Amino acid sequence: MGIFGKKKYPTPIEEKIGYRFKDRTLLTRALTHVSYVNQYGSGKRIQSNERLEFLGDAVLGLVMAEHLIKEFPGSAEGELTEMRRILVGGDFIAMKGEKLGLGDYLLLSNGEQITGGKSKPSIMADTYEALLGAIYLDGGIKAVREVLKKYHLKDRDKQLKNEEYINYKGELLEYCQARGKRPVYRVVYEEGPDHDKIFGVKVYIGEEELGYGEGTSKKNAEQEAAKATMTSLRKSKT
């Protein structure tokens, strides 16, 4: 019967996503982590959400691609790929899972609960995808589209403009590759103790300096250098 039983009224999760399951055992399975099955599943018919997660990942990617194709008819393939990357990215869907309160219903092993499993971004993201997989099996692709439209995409534009998720290095690489070139990042500045260092990075094409960025890690500094470069390139086009 599952953790939600056969209640006639919708559960809080169903209310938030705007979808009511015909088969709530699918909802229960979507919220069952593999650690719970490993601890309590011996001799019982308990299934983890791993297979639903696999399905949900594919369904999410498909619906987002379909949505972006329709909503941005003038965008090139590279732009569409970047937008989809943001909307199906682990950080974004983990945040969506957390806002749904999935952790309040998640079935975990005792050990996973002790180590904070109910709030781990990776588990939140996996559970969110499993939920989408469950919706697909219960109501089909149309039901998934409606849920994603109501819940996942309601802050789409804000998310696409969120610099935290924009892959400037990827954009710069694509820009350079289209011209038969490749960007090279060089650390030119490094200061501070190991636990609190600041890195300065310049990005080049050949010997031509394109941009400079600073960050608390080489990766962050490279992202800032790529951002400065792409900002400059966009301004030069206007």
C-alpha atoms as a PDB file:
ATOM      1  CA  MET A   1       0.000   0.000   0.000  1.00  0.00           C
ATOM      2  CA  GLY A   2       2.961   2.331   0.632  1.00  0.00           C
ATOM      3  CA  ILE A   3       3.544   5.204   2.994  1.00  0.00           C
ATOM      4  CA  PHE A   4       0.618   7.214   1.626  1.00  0.00           C
ATOM      5  CA  GLY A   5      -2.003   4.458   1.716  1.00  0.00           C
ATOM      6  CA  LYS A   6      -5.281   4.970  -0.143  1.00  0.00           C
ATOM      7  CA  LYS A   7      -6.165   8.412   1.146  1.00  0.00           C
ATOM      8  CA  LYS A   8      -8.875  10.039  -0.926  1.00  0.00           C
ATOM      9  CA  TYR A   9      -7.370  13.490  -0.543  1.00  0.00           C
ATOM     10  CA  PRO A  10      -4.092  14.516  -2.238  1.00  0.00           C
ATOM     11  CA  THR A  11      -0.822  14.384  -0.325  1.00  0.00           C
ATOM     12  CA  PRO A  12       1.190  17.605   0.161  1.00  0.00           C
ATOM     13  CA  ILE A  13       3.551  16.562  -2.643  1.00  0.00           C
ATOM     14  CA  GLU A  14       0.650  15.930  -5.015  1.00  0.00           C
ATOM     15  CA  GLU A  15      -0.816  19.320  -4.147  1.00  0.00           C
ATOM     16  CA  LYS A  16       2.467  21.093  -4.852  1.00  0.00           C
ATOM     17  CA  ILE A  17       3.077  19.467  -8.220  1.00  0.00           C
ATOM     18  CA  GLY A  18      -0.573  19.518  -9.250  1.00  0.00           C
ATOM     19  CA  TYR A  19      -0.789  15.814  -9.987  1.00  0.00           C
ATOM     20  CA  ARG A  20      -2.652  13.073  -8.154  1.00  0.00           C
ATOM     21  CA  PHE A  21      -1.405   9.523  -8.516  1.00  0.00           C
ATOM     22  CA  LYS A  22      -3.778   6.768  -9.518  1.00  0.00           C
ATOM     23  CA  ASP A  23      -1.254   4.252  -8.166  1.00  0.00           C
ATOM     24  CA  ARG A  24       0.364   5.640  -5.047  1.00  0.00           C
ATOM     25  CA  THR A  25       2.736   2.699  -4.770  1.00  0.00           C
ATOM     26  CA  LEU A  26       4.668   4.412  -7.553  1.00  0.00           C
ATOM     27  CA  LEU A  27       4.934   7.537  -5.412  1.00  0.00           C
ATOM     28  CA  THR A  28       6.190   5.455  -2.496  1.00  0.00           C
ATOM     29  CA  ARG A  29       8.768   3.756  -4.693  1.00  0.00           C
ATOM     30  CA  ALA A  30       9.978   7.124  -5.969  1.00  0.00           C
ATOM     31  CA  LEU A  31      10.702   8.077  -2.364  1.00  0.00           C
ATOM     32  CA  THR A  32      12.485   4.836  -1.423  1.00  0.00           C
ATOM     33  CA  HIS A  33      16.273   5.191  -1.406  1.00  0.00           C
ATOM     34  CA  VAL A  34      18.440   2.156  -2.126  1.00  0.00           C
ATOM     35  CA  SER A  35      19.929   2.352   1.383  1.00  0.00           C
ATOM     36  CA  TYR A  36      16.460   1.700   2.852  1.00  0.00           C
ATOM     37  CA  VAL A  37      16.039  -1.382   0.668  1.00  0.00           C
ATOM     38  CA  ASN A  38      19.462  -2.644   1.684  1.00  0.00           C
ATOM     39  CA  GLN A  39      18.563  -2.311   5.367  1.00  0.00           C
ATOM     40  CA  TYR A  40      14.931  -3.409   5.413  1.00  0.00           C
ATOM     41  CA  GLY A  41      14.262  -5.160   2.122  1.00  0.00           C
ATOM     42  CA  SER A  42      15.438  -8.668   2.969  1.00  0.00           C
ATOM     43  CA  GLY A  43      12.560 -11.048   2.269  1.00  0.00           C
ATOM     44  CA  LYS A  44      10.200  -8.178   1.431  1.00  0.00           C
ATOM     45  CA  ARG A  45       8.991  -6.807  -1.882  1.00  0.00           C
ATOM     46  CA  ILE A  46      10.563  -3.390  -1.495  1.00  0.00           C
ATOM     47  CA  GLN A  47      11.935  -1.621  -4.551  1.00  0.00           C
ATOM     48  CA  SER A  48      14.289   1.340  -4.554  1.00  0.00           C
ATOM     49  CA  ASN A  49      13.804   4.400  -6.744  1.00  0.00           C
ATOM     50  CA  GLU A  50      16.893   3.745  -8.882  1.00  0.00           C
ATOM     51  CA  ARG A  51      15.012   2.470 -11.939  1.00  0.00           C
ATOM     52  CA  LEU A  52      12.492   5.319 -11.699  1.00  0.00           C
ATOM     53  CA  GLU A  53      15.390   7.763 -11.449  1.00  0.00           C
ATOM     54  CA  PHE A  54      16.844   6.355 -14.671  1.00  0.00           C
ATOM     55  CA  LEU A  55      13.507   6.806 -16.416  1.00  0.00           C
ATOM     56  CA  GLY A  56      12.857  10.246 -14.941  1.00  0.00           C
ATOM     57  CA  ASP A  57      16.233  11.539 -16.090  1.00  0.00           C
ATOM     58  CA  ALA A  58      15.380  10.598 -19.692  1.00  0.00           C
ATOM     59  CA  VAL A  59      11.851  11.992 -19.511  1.00  0.00           C
ATOM     60  CA  LEU A  60      13.050  15.288 -18.019  1.00  0.00           C
ATOM     61  CA  GLY A  61      15.628  15.716 -20.771  1.00  0.00           C
ATOM     62  CA  LEU A  62      13.080  14.976 -23.478  1.00  0.00           C
ATOM     63  CA  VAL A  63      10.400  17.342 -22.166  1.00  0.00           C
ATOM     64  CA  MET A  64      12.906  20.160 -21.604  1.00  0.00           C
ATOM     65  CA  ALA A  65      14.273  19.752 -25.143  1.00  0.00           C
ATOM     66  CA  GLU A  66      10.742  19.775 -26.526  1.00  0.00           C
ATOM     67  CA  HIS A  67       9.845  22.861 -24.489  1.00  0.00           C
ATOM     68  CA  LEU A  68      12.937  24.820 -25.526  1.00  0.00           C
ATOM     69  CA  ILE A  69      12.503  23.988 -29.215  1.00  0.00           C
ATOM     70  CA  LYS A  70       8.972  25.431 -29.099  1.00  0.00           C
ATOM     71  CA  GLU A  71       9.706  28.439 -26.872  1.00  0.00           C
ATOM     72  CA  PHE A  72      12.954  29.576 -28.520  1.00  0.00           C
ATOM     73  CA  PRO A  73      12.491  29.026 -32.278  1.00  0.00           C
ATOM     74  CA  GLY A  74      15.327  31.391 -33.136  1.00  0.00           C
ATOM     75  CA  SER A  75      17.957  29.762 -30.918  1.00  0.00           C
ATOM     76  CA  ALA A  76      20.799  27.714 -32.346  1.00  0.00           C
ATOM     77  CA  GLU A  77      21.534  24.161 -31.231  1.00  0.00           C
ATOM     78  CA  GLY A  78      24.371  25.280 -28.961  1.00  0.00           C
ATOM     79  CA  GLU A  79      22.140  27.788 -27.147  1.00  0.00           C
ATOM     80  CA  LEU A  80      19.392  25.202 -26.720  1.00  0.00           C
ATOM     81  CA  THR A  81      21.900  22.679 -25.371  1.00  0.00           C
ATOM     82  CA  GLU A  82      23.160  25.168 -22.788  1.00  0.00           C
ATOM     83  CA  MET A  83      19.636  26.088 -21.666  1.00  0.00           C
ATOM     84  CA  ARG A  84      18.700  22.432 -21.323  1.00  0.00           C
ATOM     85  CA  ARG A  85      21.898  21.778 -19.343  1.00  0.00           C
ATOM     86  CA  ILE A  86      20.835  24.399 -16.814  1.00  0.00           C
ATOM     87  CA  LEU A  87      17.228  23.200 -16.533  1.00  0.00           C
ATOM     88  CA  VAL A  88      18.144  19.537 -16.031  1.00  0.00           C
ATOM     89  CA  GLY A  89      21.299  20.182 -14.003  1.00  0.00           C
ATOM     90  CA  GLY A  90      21.822  18.484 -10.670  1.00  0.00           C
ATOM     91  CA  ASP A  91      21.941  21.707  -8.636  1.00  0.00           C
ATOM     92  CA  PHE A  92      18.675  22.971 -10.096  1.00  0.00           C
ATOM     93  CA  ILE A  93      16.697  19.767  -9.699  1.00  0.00           C
ATOM     94  CA  ALA A  94      18.119  19.239  -6.201  1.00  0.00           C
ATOM     95  CA  MET A  95      16.767  22.666  -5.307  1.00  0.00           C
ATOM     96  CA  LYS A  96      13.393  21.743  -6.805  1.00  0.00           C
ATOM     97  CA  GLY A  97      13.321  18.521  -4.781  1.00  0.00           C
ATOM     98  CA  GLU A  98      14.175  20.387  -1.600  1.00  0.00           C
ATOM     99  CA  LYS A  99      11.424  22.964  -2.198  1.00  0.00           C
ATOM    100  CA  LEU A 100       8.949  20.124  -2.671  1.00  0.00           C
ATOM    101  CA  GLY A 101       9.949  18.813   0.735  1.00  0.00           C
ATOM    102  CA  LEU A 102      10.876  15.388  -0.636  1.00  0.00           C
ATOM    103  CA  GLY A 103      13.255  14.869   2.274  1.00  0.00           C
ATOM    104  CA  ASP A 104      10.304  14.815   4.682  1.00  0.00           C
ATOM    105  CA  TYR A 105       8.961  11.673   3.006  1.00  0.00           C
ATOM    106  CA  LEU A 106      12.157   9.996   1.851  1.00  0.00           C
ATOM    107  CA  LEU A 107      12.743   6.443   3.097  1.00  0.00           C
ATOM    108  CA  LEU A 108      16.405   6.056   4.057  1.00  0.00           C
ATOM    109  CA  SER A 109      18.518   3.659   6.078  1.00  0.00           C
ATOM    110  CA  ASN A 110      19.376   4.668   9.627  1.00  0.00           C
ATOM    111  CA  GLY A 111      22.971   5.286   8.614  1.00  0.00           C
ATOM    112  CA  GLU A 112      22.020   7.526   5.700  1.00  0.00           C
ATOM    113  CA  GLN A 113      19.677   9.518   7.927  1.00  0.00           C
ATOM    114  CA  ILE A 114      22.416  10.058  10.506  1.00  0.00           C
ATOM    115  CA  THR A 115      24.749  11.439   7.845  1.00  0.00           C
ATOM    116  CA  GLY A 116      22.123  13.932   6.644  1.00  0.00           C
ATOM    117  CA  GLY A 117      20.804  12.018   3.655  1.00  0.00           C
ATOM    118  CA  LYS A 118      17.480  13.850   3.684  1.00  0.00           C
ATOM    119  CA  SER A 119      19.231  17.072   2.697  1.00  0.00           C
ATOM    120  CA  LYS A 120      22.035  15.795   0.438  1.00  0.00           C
ATOM    121  CA  PRO A 121      21.755  17.522  -2.966  1.00  0.00           C
ATOM    122  CA  SER A 122      22.643  14.332  -4.859  1.00  0.00           C
ATOM    123  CA  ILE A 123      19.867  12.380  -3.130  1.00  0.00           C
ATOM    124  CA  MET A 124      17.391  15.243  -3.624  1.00  0.00           C
ATOM    125  CA  ALA A 125      18.202  15.369  -7.344  1.00  0.00           C
ATOM    126  CA  ASP A 126      17.908  11.595  -7.756  1.00  0.00           C
ATOM    127  CA  THR A 127      14.595  11.533  -5.881  1.00  0.00           C
ATOM    128  CA  TYR A 128      13.199  14.372  -7.987  1.00  0.00           C
ATOM    129  CA  GLU A 129      14.027  12.448 -11.161  1.00  0.00           C
ATOM    130  CA  ALA A 130      12.480   9.308  -9.675  1.00  0.00           C
ATOM    131  CA  LEU A 131       9.299  11.266  -8.966  1.00  0.00           C
ATOM    132  CA  LEU A 132       9.120  12.314 -12.618  1.00  0.00           C
ATOM    133  CA  GLY A 133       9.644   8.702 -13.658  1.00  0.00           C
ATOM    134  CA  ALA A 134       6.779   7.658 -11.401  1.00  0.00           C
ATOM    135  CA  ILE A 135       4.501  10.333 -12.859  1.00  0.00           C
ATOM    136  CA  TYR A 136       5.351   9.138 -16.364  1.00  0.00           C
ATOM    137  CA  LEU A 137       4.422   5.527 -15.550  1.00  0.00           C
ATOM    138  CA  ASP A 138       1.251   6.625 -13.781  1.00  0.00           C
ATOM    139  CA  GLY A 139      -0.028   9.271 -16.180  1.00  0.00           C
ATOM    140  CA  GLY A 140       2.137   9.299 -19.278  1.00  0.00           C
ATOM    141  CA  ILE A 141       4.155  12.030 -20.968  1.00  0.00           C
ATOM    142  CA  LYS A 142       1.260  14.489 -20.925  1.00  0.00           C
ATOM    143  CA  ALA A 143       1.116  14.361 -17.123  1.00  0.00           C
ATOM    144  CA  VAL A 144       4.876  14.977 -16.906  1.00  0.00           C
ATOM    145  CA  ARG A 145       4.594  17.950 -19.249  1.00  0.00           C
ATOM    146  CA  GLU A 146       1.871  19.496 -17.096  1.00  0.00           C
ATOM    147  CA  VAL A 147       3.801  18.991 -13.852  1.00  0.00           C
ATOM    148  CA  LEU A 148       6.991  20.427 -15.300  1.00  0.00           C
ATOM    149  CA  LYS A 149       5.121  23.379 -16.772  1.00  0.00           C
ATOM    150  CA  LYS A 150       3.487  24.189 -13.439  1.00  0.00           C
ATOM    151  CA  TYR A 151       6.358  23.510 -11.091  1.00  0.00           C
ATOM    152  CA  HIS A 152       9.705  23.078 -12.834  1.00  0.00           C
ATOM    153  CA  LEU A 153       9.417  25.881 -15.392  1.00  0.00           C
ATOM    154  CA  LYS A 154       7.647  28.576 -13.409  1.00  0.00           C
ATOM    155  CA  ASP A 155      10.970  30.341 -12.729  1.00  0.00           C
ATOM    156  CA  ARG A 156      12.609  29.297 -15.987  1.00  0.00           C
ATOM    157  CA  ASP A 157      13.798  32.713 -17.137  1.00  0.00           C
ATOM    158  CA  LYS A 158      15.243  33.571 -13.739  1.00  0.00           C
ATOM    159  CA  GLN A 159      17.096  30.279 -13.707  1.00  0.00           C
ATOM    160  CA  LEU A 160      18.497  30.686 -17.203  1.00  0.00           C
ATOM    161  CA  LYS A 161      19.914  34.074 -16.190  1.00  0.00           C
ATOM    162  CA  ASN A 162      21.318  32.822 -12.891  1.00  0.00           C
ATOM    163  CA  GLU A 163      25.071  33.238 -13.246  1.00  0.00           C
ATOM    164  CA  GLU A 164      25.655  30.436 -10.770  1.00  0.00           C
ATOM    165  CA  TYR A 165      24.521  27.956 -13.413  1.00  0.00           C
ATOM    166  CA  ILE A 166      25.828  29.559 -16.588  1.00  0.00           C
ATOM    167  CA  ASN A 167      28.724  27.592 -18.060  1.00  0.00           C
ATOM    168  CA  TYR A 168      30.878  30.417 -19.386  1.00  0.00           C
ATOM    169  CA  LYS A 169      33.804  28.071 -20.025  1.00  0.00           C
ATOM    170  CA  GLY A 170      31.562  25.917 -22.188  1.00  0.00           C
ATOM    171  CA  GLU A 171      30.299  28.967 -24.092  1.00  0.00           C
ATOM    172  CA  LEU A 172      33.829  30.203 -24.714  1.00  0.00           C
ATOM    173  CA  LEU A 173      35.000  26.764 -25.820  1.00  0.00           C
ATOM    174  CA  GLU A 174      32.139  26.555 -28.308  1.00  0.00           C
ATOM    175  CA  TYR A 175      32.907  30.062 -29.583  1.00  0.00           C
ATOM    176  CA  CYS A 176      36.577  29.198 -30.094  1.00  0.00           C
ATOM    177  CA  GLN A 177      35.951  25.799 -31.663  1.00  0.00           C
ATOM    178  CA  ALA A 178      33.657  27.379 -34.252  1.00  0.00           C
ATOM    179  CA  ARG A 179      36.739  29.340 -35.352  1.00  0.00           C
ATOM    180  CA  GLY A 180      39.085  26.379 -35.285  1.00  0.00           C
ATOM    181  CA  LYS A 181      40.763  27.456 -32.042  1.00  0.00           C
ATOM    182  CA  ARG A 182      40.877  26.459 -28.390  1.00  0.00           C
ATOM    183  CA  PRO A 183      41.139  28.603 -25.237  1.00  0.00           C
ATOM    184  CA  VAL A 184      44.035  28.063 -22.843  1.00  0.00           C
ATOM    185  CA  TYR A 185      43.827  29.015 -19.146  1.00  0.00           C
ATOM    186  CA  ARG A 186      46.960  30.047 -17.248  1.00  0.00           C
ATOM    187  CA  VAL A 187      47.306  30.776 -13.528  1.00  0.00           C
ATOM    188  CA  VAL A 188      49.110  34.127 -13.320  1.00  0.00           C
ATOM    189  CA  TYR A 189      48.427  34.997  -9.697  1.00  0.00           C
ATOM    190  CA  GLU A 190      48.210  33.013  -6.469  1.00  0.00           C
ATOM    191  CA  GLU A 191      48.127  34.417  -2.951  1.00  0.00           C
ATOM    192  CA  GLY A 192      47.167  33.396   0.575  1.00  0.00           C
ATOM    193  CA  PRO A 193      47.362  30.308   2.802  1.00  0.00           C
ATOM    194  CA  ASP A 194      46.216  26.930   1.473  1.00  0.00           C
ATOM    195  CA  HIS A 195      42.831  27.189   3.196  1.00  0.00           C
ATOM    196  CA  ASP A 196      42.138  30.705   1.916  1.00  0.00           C
ATOM    197  CA  LYS A 197      43.872  31.172  -1.428  1.00  0.00           C
ATOM    198  CA  ILE A 198      42.978  33.540  -4.222  1.00  0.00           C
ATOM    199  CA  PHE A 199      43.840  32.562  -7.777  1.00  0.00           C
ATOM    200  CA  GLY A 200      44.150  34.819 -10.793  1.00  0.00           C
ATOM    201  CA  VAL A 201      43.705  33.263 -14.224  1.00  0.00           C
ATOM    202  CA  LYS A 202      44.083  34.633 -17.743  1.00  0.00           C
ATOM    203  CA  VAL A 203      42.584  32.949 -20.777  1.00  0.00           C
ATOM    204  CA  TYR A 204      44.364  33.001 -24.132  1.00  0.00           C
ATOM    205  CA  ILE A 205      43.936  31.971 -27.732  1.00  0.00           C
ATOM    206  CA  GLY A 206      47.475  31.453 -28.866  1.00  0.00           C
ATOM    207  CA  GLU A 207      49.329  34.428 -27.422  1.00  0.00           C
ATOM    208  CA  GLU A 208      46.295  36.719 -27.455  1.00  0.00           C
ATOM    209  CA  GLU A 209      44.932  37.468 -23.971  1.00  0.00           C
ATOM    210  CA  LEU A 210      41.134  37.354 -23.922  1.00  0.00           C
ATOM    211  CA  GLY A 211      40.167  37.856 -20.280  1.00  0.00           C
ATOM    212  CA  TYR A 212      41.119  37.719 -16.611  1.00  0.00           C
ATOM    213  CA  GLY A 213      39.308  36.354 -13.563  1.00  0.00           C
ATOM    214  CA  GLU A 214      39.874  35.699  -9.860  1.00  0.00           C
ATOM    215  CA  GLY A 215      38.419  33.040  -7.564  1.00  0.00           C
ATOM    216  CA  THR A 216      38.956  30.947  -4.458  1.00  0.00           C
ATOM    217  CA  SER A 217      39.888  27.990  -6.678  1.00  0.00           C
ATOM    218  CA  LYS A 218      41.470  27.588 -10.095  1.00  0.00           C
ATOM    219  CA  LYS A 219      38.126  26.359 -11.425  1.00  0.00           C
ATOM    220  CA  ASN A 220      36.265  29.442 -10.172  1.00  0.00           C
ATOM    221  CA  ALA A 221      38.961  31.757 -11.505  1.00  0.00           C
ATOM    222  CA  GLU A 222      38.768  30.098 -14.931  1.00  0.00           C
ATOM    223  CA  GLN A 223      34.994  30.533 -14.930  1.00  0.00           C
ATOM    224  CA  GLU A 224      35.405  34.233 -14.095  1.00  0.00           C
ATOM    225  CA  ALA A 225      37.994  34.658 -16.851  1.00  0.00           C
ATOM    226  CA  ALA A 226      35.657  33.002 -19.351  1.00  0.00           C
ATOM    227  CA  LYS A 227      32.778  35.183 -18.134  1.00  0.00           C
ATOM    228  CA  ALA A 228      34.838  38.360 -18.630  1.00  0.00           C
ATOM    229  CA  THR A 229      35.756  37.187 -22.119  1.00  0.00           C
ATOM    230  CA  MET A 230      32.192  36.346 -23.165  1.00  0.00           C
ATOM    231  CA  THR A 231      30.923  39.656 -21.738  1.00  0.00           C
ATOM    232  CA  SER A 232      33.524  41.512 -23.761  1.00  0.00           C
ATOM    233  CA  LEU A 233      32.722  39.564 -26.917  1.00  0.00           C
ATOM    234  CA  ARG A 234      28.994  40.279 -26.571  1.00  0.00           C
ATOM    235  CA  LYS A 235      29.636  43.992 -26.096  1.00  0.00           C
ATOM    236  CA  SER A 236      31.802  44.086 -29.205  1.00  0.00           C
ATOM    237  CA  LYS A 237      28.871  42.727 -31.234  1.00  0.00           C
ATOM    238  CA  THR A 238      26.481  45.488 -30.121  1.00  0.00           C
END
